[in-house]
Amino acid sequence: MGDLFSGPHIILIALVVLLLFGGKKIPELMRGLGRGIREFKDAKDNVKREIEDHMKDDNSNNPGSGSNKQVSSNSSVNN
């Protein structure tokens, strides 16, 4: 499975797609594929932006929360 996408393989795949769908359907299929990829990228960017916004909100609500560590005030020590 080393050269799965070599020149002859791509040509064979293109011919099979052309035979299955015909010349008129291929542009329509490619437009649909392009829309699907665009929607996926938009959704990915929205999720990334949402996560970054939440991280900024958390940091602005708790300034310095990452640098200050809480120490327990357990004063009882067993010797």
PDB file of N, CA and C in Angstrom:
ATOM      1  N   MET A   1       0.824  -1.168   0.000  1.00  0.00           N
ATOM      2  CA  MET A   1       0.000   0.000   0.000  1.00  0.00           C
ATOM      3  C   MET A   1       0.877   1.244   0.000  1.00  0.00           C
ATOM      4  N   GLY A   2       2.055   1.147  -0.540  1.00  0.00           N
ATOM      5  CA  GLY A   2       2.980   2.251  -0.547  1.00  0.00           C
ATOM      6  C   GLY A   2       2.593   3.352  -1.512  1.00  0.00           C
ATOM      7  N   ASP A   3       2.311   3.000  -2.759  1.00  0.00           N
ATOM      8  CA  ASP A   3       1.987   4.012  -3.765  1.00  0.00           C
ATOM      9  C   ASP A   3       0.508   3.954  -4.120  1.00  0.00           C
ATOM     10  N   LEU A   4      -0.335   4.159  -3.151  1.00  0.00           N
ATOM     11  CA  LEU A   4      -1.776   4.081  -3.365  1.00  0.00           C
ATOM     12  C   LEU A   4      -2.272   5.217  -4.254  1.00  0.00           C
ATOM     13  N   PHE A   5      -1.656   6.381  -4.151  1.00  0.00           N
ATOM     14  CA  PHE A   5      -2.100   7.530  -4.932  1.00  0.00           C
ATOM     15  C   PHE A   5      -1.063   7.921  -5.982  1.00  0.00           C
ATOM     16  N   SER A   6      -0.549   6.943  -6.702  1.00  0.00           N
ATOM     17  CA  SER A   6       0.385   7.252  -7.780  1.00  0.00           C
ATOM     18  C   SER A   6      -0.408   7.653  -9.029  1.00  0.00           C
ATOM     19  N   GLY A   7       0.280   8.089 -10.067  1.00  0.00           N
ATOM     20  CA  GLY A   7      -0.345   8.588 -11.289  1.00  0.00           C
ATOM     21  C   GLY A   7      -1.367   7.645 -11.910  1.00  0.00           C
ATOM     22  N   PRO A   8      -0.993   6.406 -12.181  1.00  0.00           N
ATOM     23  CA  PRO A   8      -1.956   5.484 -12.812  1.00  0.00           C
ATOM     24  C   PRO A   8      -3.197   5.216 -11.946  1.00  0.00           C
ATOM     25  N   HIS A   9      -3.020   5.183 -10.629  1.00  0.00           N
ATOM     26  CA  HIS A   9      -4.164   4.947  -9.746  1.00  0.00           C
ATOM     27  C   HIS A   9      -5.154   6.105  -9.801  1.00  0.00           C
ATOM     28  N   ILE A  10      -4.638   7.320  -9.804  1.00  0.00           N
ATOM     29  CA  ILE A  10      -5.510   8.491  -9.859  1.00  0.00           C
ATOM     30  C   ILE A  10      -6.273   8.532 -11.178  1.00  0.00           C
ATOM     31  N   ILE A  11      -5.597   8.205 -12.267  1.00  0.00           N
ATOM     32  CA  ILE A  11      -6.261   8.176 -13.578  1.00  0.00           C
ATOM     33  C   ILE A  11      -7.353   7.115 -13.593  1.00  0.00           C
ATOM     34  N   LEU A  12      -7.087   5.955 -13.045  1.00  0.00           N
ATOM     35  CA  LEU A  12      -8.080   4.880 -12.992  1.00  0.00           C
ATOM     36  C   LEU A  12      -9.284   5.298 -12.152  1.00  0.00           C
ATOM     37  N   ILE A  13      -9.036   5.928 -11.020  1.00  0.00           N
ATOM     38  CA  ILE A  13     -10.135   6.391 -10.166  1.00  0.00           C
ATOM     39  C   ILE A  13     -10.965   7.439 -10.900  1.00  0.00           C
ATOM     40  N   ALA A  14     -10.305   8.370 -11.602  1.00  0.00           N
ATOM     41  CA  ALA A  14     -11.017   9.407 -12.350  1.00  0.00           C
ATOM     42  C   ALA A  14     -11.889   8.788 -13.443  1.00  0.00           C
ATOM     43  N   LEU A  15     -11.383   7.777 -14.137  1.00  0.00           N
ATOM     44  CA  LEU A  15     -12.166   7.109 -15.180  1.00  0.00           C
ATOM     45  C   LEU A  15     -13.384   6.390 -14.595  1.00  0.00           C
ATOM     46  N   VAL A  16     -13.219   5.743 -13.463  1.00  0.00           N
ATOM     47  CA  VAL A  16     -14.331   5.041 -12.827  1.00  0.00           C
ATOM     48  C   VAL A  16     -15.405   6.043 -12.397  1.00  0.00           C
ATOM     49  N   VAL A  17     -14.982   7.170 -11.810  1.00  0.00           N
ATOM     50  CA  VAL A  17     -15.941   8.200 -11.404  1.00  0.00           C
ATOM     51  C   VAL A  17     -16.669   8.740 -12.620  1.00  0.00           C
ATOM     52  N   LEU A  18     -15.946   8.969 -13.707  1.00  0.00           N
ATOM     53  CA  LEU A  18     -16.558   9.474 -14.938  1.00  0.00           C
ATOM     54  C   LEU A  18     -17.570   8.486 -15.497  1.00  0.00           C
ATOM     55  N   LEU A  19     -17.258   7.211 -15.456  1.00  0.00           N
ATOM     56  CA  LEU A  19     -18.197   6.196 -15.948  1.00  0.00           C
ATOM     57  C   LEU A  19     -19.423   6.071 -15.047  1.00  0.00           C
ATOM     58  N   LEU A  20     -19.227   6.145 -13.734  1.00  0.00           N
ATOM     59  CA  LEU A  20     -20.342   5.975 -12.813  1.00  0.00           C
ATOM     60  C   LEU A  20     -21.300   7.162 -12.818  1.00  0.00           C
ATOM     61  N   PHE A  21     -20.760   8.374 -12.829  1.00  0.00           N
ATOM     62  CA  PHE A  21     -21.604   9.548 -12.655  1.00  0.00           C
ATOM     63  C   PHE A  21     -21.847  10.332 -13.934  1.00  0.00           C
ATOM     64  N   GLY A  22     -21.036  10.142 -14.926  1.00  0.00           N
ATOM     65  CA  GLY A  22     -21.200  10.891 -16.168  1.00  0.00           C
ATOM     66  C   GLY A  22     -20.598  12.273 -16.070  1.00  0.00           C
ATOM     67  N   GLY A  23     -20.368  12.885 -17.226  1.00  0.00           N
ATOM     68  CA  GLY A  23     -19.698  14.174 -17.283  1.00  0.00           C
ATOM     69  C   GLY A  23     -20.522  15.317 -16.717  1.00  0.00           C
ATOM     70  N   LYS A  24     -21.835  15.222 -16.759  1.00  0.00           N
ATOM     71  CA  LYS A  24     -22.681  16.329 -16.307  1.00  0.00           C
ATOM     72  C   LYS A  24     -22.837  16.351 -14.788  1.00  0.00           C
ATOM     73  N   LYS A  25     -22.712  15.222 -14.145  1.00  0.00           N
ATOM     74  CA  LYS A  25     -22.908  15.156 -12.695  1.00  0.00           C
ATOM     75  C   LYS A  25     -21.647  15.495 -11.907  1.00  0.00           C
ATOM     76  N   ILE A  26     -20.486  15.368 -12.510  1.00  0.00           N
ATOM     77  CA  ILE A  26     -19.234  15.569 -11.775  1.00  0.00           C
ATOM     78  C   ILE A  26     -19.116  17.000 -11.221  1.00  0.00           C
ATOM     79  N   PRO A  27     -19.380  18.062 -12.024  1.00  0.00           N
ATOM     80  CA  PRO A  27     -19.293  19.408 -11.437  1.00  0.00           C
ATOM     81  C   PRO A  27     -20.259  19.608 -10.270  1.00  0.00           C
ATOM     82  N   GLU A  28     -21.437  19.013 -10.373  1.00  0.00           N
ATOM     83  CA  GLU A  28     -22.420  19.118  -9.293  1.00  0.00           C
ATOM     84  C   GLU A  28     -21.909  18.412  -8.035  1.00  0.00           C
ATOM     85  N   LEU A  29     -21.295  17.255  -8.217  1.00  0.00           N
ATOM     86  CA  LEU A  29     -20.731  16.526  -7.082  1.00  0.00           C
ATOM     87  C   LEU A  29     -19.581  17.305  -6.441  1.00  0.00           C
ATOM     88  N   MET A  30     -18.749  17.919  -7.268  1.00  0.00           N
ATOM     89  CA  MET A  30     -17.617  18.687  -6.736  1.00  0.00           C
ATOM     90  C   MET A  30     -18.095  19.933  -5.986  1.00  0.00           C
ATOM     91  N   ARG A  31     -19.152  20.587  -6.477  1.00  0.00           N
ATOM     92  CA  ARG A  31     -19.713  21.734  -5.756  1.00  0.00           C
ATOM     93  C   ARG A  31     -20.227  21.297  -4.395  1.00  0.00           C
ATOM     94  N   GLY A  32     -20.926  20.179  -4.361  1.00  0.00           N
ATOM     95  CA  GLY A  32     -21.425  19.657  -3.088  1.00  0.00           C
ATOM     96  C   GLY A  32     -20.288  19.312  -2.139  1.00  0.00           C
ATOM     97  N   LEU A  33     -19.228  18.728  -2.679  1.00  0.00           N
ATOM     98  CA  LEU A  33     -18.066  18.395  -1.858  1.00  0.00           C
ATOM     99  C   LEU A  33     -17.411  19.665  -1.323  1.00  0.00           C
ATOM    100  N   GLY A  34     -17.303  20.687  -2.176  1.00  0.00           N
ATOM    101  CA  GLY A  34     -16.722  21.960  -1.745  1.00  0.00           C
ATOM    102  C   GLY A  34     -17.550  22.616  -0.653  1.00  0.00           C
ATOM    103  N   ARG A  35     -18.873  22.580  -0.798  1.00  0.00           N
ATOM    104  CA  ARG A  35     -19.749  23.153   0.238  1.00  0.00           C
ATOM    105  C   ARG A  35     -19.595  22.411   1.555  1.00  0.00           C
ATOM    106  N   GLY A  36     -19.516  21.092   1.468  1.00  0.00           N
ATOM    107  CA  GLY A  36     -19.353  20.284   2.678  1.00  0.00           C
ATOM    108  C   GLY A  36     -18.048  20.589   3.387  1.00  0.00           C
ATOM    109  N   ILE A  37     -16.962  20.725   2.621  1.00  0.00           N
ATOM    110  CA  ILE A  37     -15.670  21.044   3.214  1.00  0.00           C
ATOM    111  C   ILE A  37     -15.704  22.433   3.836  1.00  0.00           C
ATOM    112  N   ARG A  38     -16.324  23.391   3.144  1.00  0.00           N
ATOM    113  CA  ARG A  38     -16.418  24.764   3.666  1.00  0.00           C
ATOM    114  C   ARG A  38     -17.222  24.797   4.964  1.00  0.00           C
ATOM    115  N   GLU A  39     -18.340  24.075   4.997  1.00  0.00           N
ATOM    116  CA  GLU A  39     -19.152  24.034   6.213  1.00  0.00           C
ATOM    117  C   GLU A  39     -18.394  23.402   7.371  1.00  0.00           C
ATOM    118  N   PHE A  40     -17.622  22.364   7.072  1.00  0.00           N
ATOM    119  CA  PHE A  40     -16.819  21.712   8.107  1.00  0.00           C
ATOM    120  C   PHE A  40     -15.781  22.672   8.666  1.00  0.00           C
ATOM    121  N   LYS A  41     -15.089  23.401   7.785  1.00  0.00           N
ATOM    122  CA  LYS A  41     -14.083  24.362   8.242  1.00  0.00           C
ATOM    123  C   LYS A  41     -14.717  25.475   9.059  1.00  0.00           C
ATOM    124  N   ASP A  42     -15.884  25.965   8.620  1.00  0.00           N
ATOM    125  CA  ASP A  42     -16.582  27.014   9.373  1.00  0.00           C
ATOM    126  C   ASP A  42     -16.963  26.523  10.765  1.00  0.00           C
ATOM    127  N   ALA A  43     -17.480  25.303  10.843  1.00  0.00           N
ATOM    128  CA  ALA A  43     -17.868  24.744  12.139  1.00  0.00           C
ATOM    129  C   ALA A  43     -16.646  24.567  13.028  1.00  0.00           C
ATOM    130  N   LYS A  44     -15.550  24.113  12.449  1.00  0.00           N
ATOM    131  CA  LYS A  44     -14.306  23.934  13.210  1.00  0.00           C
ATOM    132  C   LYS A  44     -13.810  25.269  13.742  1.00  0.00           C
ATOM    133  N   ASP A  45     -13.850  26.307  12.897  1.00  0.00           N
ATOM    134  CA  ASP A  45     -13.410  27.637  13.332  1.00  0.00           C
ATOM    135  C   ASP A  45     -14.330  28.199  14.411  1.00  0.00           C
ATOM    136  N   ASN A  46     -15.635  27.960  14.289  1.00  0.00           N
ATOM    137  CA  ASN A  46     -16.582  28.433  15.311  1.00  0.00           C
ATOM    138  C   ASN A  46     -16.318  27.782  16.658  1.00  0.00           C
ATOM    139  N   VAL A  47     -16.057  26.490  16.653  1.00  0.00           N
ATOM    140  CA  VAL A  47     -15.767  25.777  17.899  1.00  0.00           C
ATOM    141  C   VAL A  47     -14.474  26.302  18.510  1.00  0.00           C
ATOM    142  N   LYS A  48     -13.460  26.500  17.663  1.00  0.00           N
ATOM    143  CA  LYS A  48     -12.181  27.011  18.155  1.00  0.00           C
ATOM    144  C   LYS A  48     -12.360  28.407  18.750  1.00  0.00           C
ATOM    145  N   ARG A  49     -13.114  29.266  18.065  1.00  0.00           N
ATOM    146  CA  ARG A  49     -13.350  30.625  18.545  1.00  0.00           C
ATOM    147  C   ARG A  49     -14.126  30.597  19.866  1.00  0.00           C
ATOM    148  N   GLU A  50     -15.098  29.705  19.966  1.00  0.00           N
ATOM    149  CA  GLU A  50     -15.895  29.594  21.187  1.00  0.00           C
ATOM    150  C   GLU A  50     -15.032  29.164  22.367  1.00  0.00           C
ATOM    151  N   ILE A  51     -14.158  28.219  22.143  1.00  0.00           N
ATOM    152  CA  ILE A  51     -13.265  27.747  23.205  1.00  0.00           C
ATOM    153  C   ILE A  51     -12.336  28.872  23.649  1.00  0.00           C
ATOM    154  N   GLU A  52     -11.785  29.605  22.669  1.00  0.00           N
ATOM    155  CA  GLU A  52     -10.889  30.707  23.016  1.00  0.00           C
ATOM    156  C   GLU A  52     -11.634  31.796  23.784  1.00  0.00           C
ATOM    157  N   ASP A  53     -12.876  32.087  23.389  1.00  0.00           N
ATOM    158  CA  ASP A  53     -13.666  33.091  24.096  1.00  0.00           C
ATOM    159  C   ASP A  53     -13.931  32.672  25.540  1.00  0.00           C
ATOM    160  N   HIS A  54     -14.241  31.403  25.746  1.00  0.00           N
ATOM    161  CA  HIS A  54     -14.494  30.911  27.100  1.00  0.00           C
ATOM    162  C   HIS A  54     -13.228  30.969  27.939  1.00  0.00           C
ATOM    163  N   MET A  55     -12.096  30.669  27.314  1.00  0.00           N
ATOM    164  CA  MET A  55     -10.832  30.733  28.053  1.00  0.00           C
ATOM    165  C   MET A  55     -10.522  32.176  28.444  1.00  0.00           C
ATOM    166  N   LYS A  56     -10.798  33.128  27.540  1.00  0.00           N
ATOM    167  CA  LYS A  56     -10.572  34.542  27.859  1.00  0.00           C
ATOM    168  C   LYS A  56     -11.511  34.988  28.965  1.00  0.00           C
ATOM    169  N   ASP A  57     -12.778  34.545  28.903  1.00  0.00           N
ATOM    170  CA  ASP A  57     -13.745  34.906  29.935  1.00  0.00           C
ATOM    171  C   ASP A  57     -13.313  34.361  31.294  1.00  0.00           C
ATOM    172  N   ASP A  58     -12.851  33.115  31.313  1.00  0.00           N
ATOM    173  CA  ASP A  58     -12.406  32.513  32.571  1.00  0.00           C
ATOM    174  C   ASP A  58     -11.205  33.258  33.133  1.00  0.00           C
ATOM    175  N   ASN A  59     -10.284  33.663  32.277  1.00  0.00           N
ATOM    176  CA  ASN A  59      -9.094  34.379  32.745  1.00  0.00           C
ATOM    177  C   ASN A  59      -9.442  35.777  33.213  1.00  0.00           C
ATOM    178  N   SER A  60     -10.419  36.423  32.597  1.00  0.00           N
ATOM    179  CA  SER A  60     -10.782  37.770  33.029  1.00  0.00           C
ATOM    180  C   SER A  60     -11.594  37.735  34.326  1.00  0.00           C
ATOM    181  N   ASN A  61     -12.329  36.661  34.580  1.00  0.00           N
ATOM    182  CA  ASN A  61     -13.096  36.537  35.821  1.00  0.00           C
ATOM    183  C   ASN A  61     -12.212  36.163  37.000  1.00  0.00           C
ATOM    184  N   ASN A  62     -11.158  35.419  36.746  1.00  0.00           N
ATOM    185  CA  ASN A  62     -10.241  34.981  37.797  1.00  0.00           C
ATOM    186  C   ASN A  62      -8.825  35.408  37.431  1.00  0.00           C
ATOM    187  N   PRO A  63      -8.489  36.672  37.565  1.00  0.00           N
ATOM    188  CA  PRO A  63      -7.131  37.092  37.194  1.00  0.00           C
ATOM    189  C   PRO A  63      -6.100  36.460  38.116  1.00  0.00           C
ATOM    190  N   GLY A  64      -5.070  35.911  37.516  1.00  0.00           N
ATOM    191  CA  GLY A  64      -4.003  35.308  38.304  1.00  0.00           C
ATOM    192  C   GLY A  64      -4.352  33.969  38.888  1.00  0.00           C
ATOM    193  N   SER A  65      -5.443  33.373  38.467  1.00  0.00           N
ATOM    194  CA  SER A  65      -5.831  32.087  39.064  1.00  0.00           C
ATOM    195  C   SER A  65      -4.857  30.986  38.698  1.00  0.00           C
ATOM    196  N   GLY A  66      -4.152  31.143  37.591  1.00  0.00           N
ATOM    197  CA  GLY A  66      -3.206  30.114  37.198  1.00  0.00           C
ATOM    198  C   GLY A  66      -1.915  30.181  37.980  1.00  0.00           C
ATOM    199  N   SER A  67      -1.554  31.370  38.506  1.00  0.00           N
ATOM    200  CA  SER A  67      -0.278  31.495  39.201  1.00  0.00           C
ATOM    201  C   SER A  67      -0.406  31.299  40.712  1.00  0.00           C
ATOM    202  N   ASN A  68      -1.567  31.546  41.284  1.00  0.00           N
ATOM    203  CA  ASN A  68      -1.754  31.387  42.726  1.00  0.00           C
ATOM    204  C   ASN A  68      -2.237  29.982  43.034  1.00  0.00           C
ATOM    205  N   LYS A  69      -1.506  29.342  43.920  1.00  0.00           N
ATOM    206  CA  LYS A  69      -1.905  27.992  44.316  1.00  0.00           C
ATOM    207  C   LYS A  69      -2.475  28.057  45.716  1.00  0.00           C
ATOM    208  N   GLN A  70      -3.533  27.305  45.941  1.00  0.00           N
ATOM    209  CA  GLN A  70      -4.137  27.280  47.264  1.00  0.00           C
ATOM    210  C   GLN A  70      -3.415  26.249  48.113  1.00  0.00           C
ATOM    211  N   VAL A  71      -3.127  26.640  49.312  1.00  0.00           N
ATOM    212  CA  VAL A  71      -2.455  25.752  50.246  1.00  0.00           C
ATOM    213  C   VAL A  71      -3.454  25.432  51.349  1.00  0.00           C
ATOM    214  N   SER A  72      -3.561  24.154  51.670  1.00  0.00           N
ATOM    215  CA  SER A  72      -4.521  23.784  52.706  1.00  0.00           C
ATOM    216  C   SER A  72      -4.024  24.294  54.054  1.00  0.00           C
ATOM    217  N   SER A  73      -4.953  24.657  54.896  1.00  0.00           N
ATOM    218  CA  SER A  73      -4.592  25.185  56.216  1.00  0.00           C
ATOM    219  C   SER A  73      -4.767  24.129  57.287  1.00  0.00           C
ATOM    220  N   ASN A  74      -4.263  22.969  57.012  1.00  0.00           N
ATOM    221  CA  ASN A  74      -4.326  21.873  57.983  1.00  0.00           C
ATOM    222  C   ASN A  74      -3.197  22.048  58.972  1.00  0.00           C
ATOM    223  N   SER A  75      -3.518  22.513  60.176  1.00  0.00           N
ATOM    224  CA  SER A  75      -2.477  22.821  61.169  1.00  0.00           C
ATOM    225  C   SER A  75      -2.152  21.644  62.077  1.00  0.00           C
ATOM    226  N   SER A  76      -2.934  20.594  61.986  1.00  0.00           N
ATOM    227  CA  SER A  76      -2.662  19.452  62.858  1.00  0.00           C
ATOM    228  C   SER A  76      -1.624  18.556  62.198  1.00  0.00           C
ATOM    229  N   VAL A  77      -0.530  18.383  62.881  1.00  0.00           N
ATOM    230  CA  VAL A  77       0.573  17.562  62.369  1.00  0.00           C
ATOM    231  C   VAL A  77       0.788  16.421  63.343  1.00  0.00           C
ATOM    232  N   ASN A  78       0.805  15.224  62.829  1.00  0.00           N
ATOM    233  CA  ASN A  78       1.056  14.054  63.676  1.00  0.00           C
ATOM    234  C   ASN A  78       2.557  13.787  63.725  1.00  0.00           C
ATOM    235  N   ASN A  79       3.110  13.772  64.913  1.00  0.00           N
ATOM    236  CA  ASN A  79       4.539  13.503  65.073  1.00  0.00           C
ATOM    237  C   ASN A  79       4.768  12.125  65.546  1.00  0.00           C
TER     238      ASN A  79
END
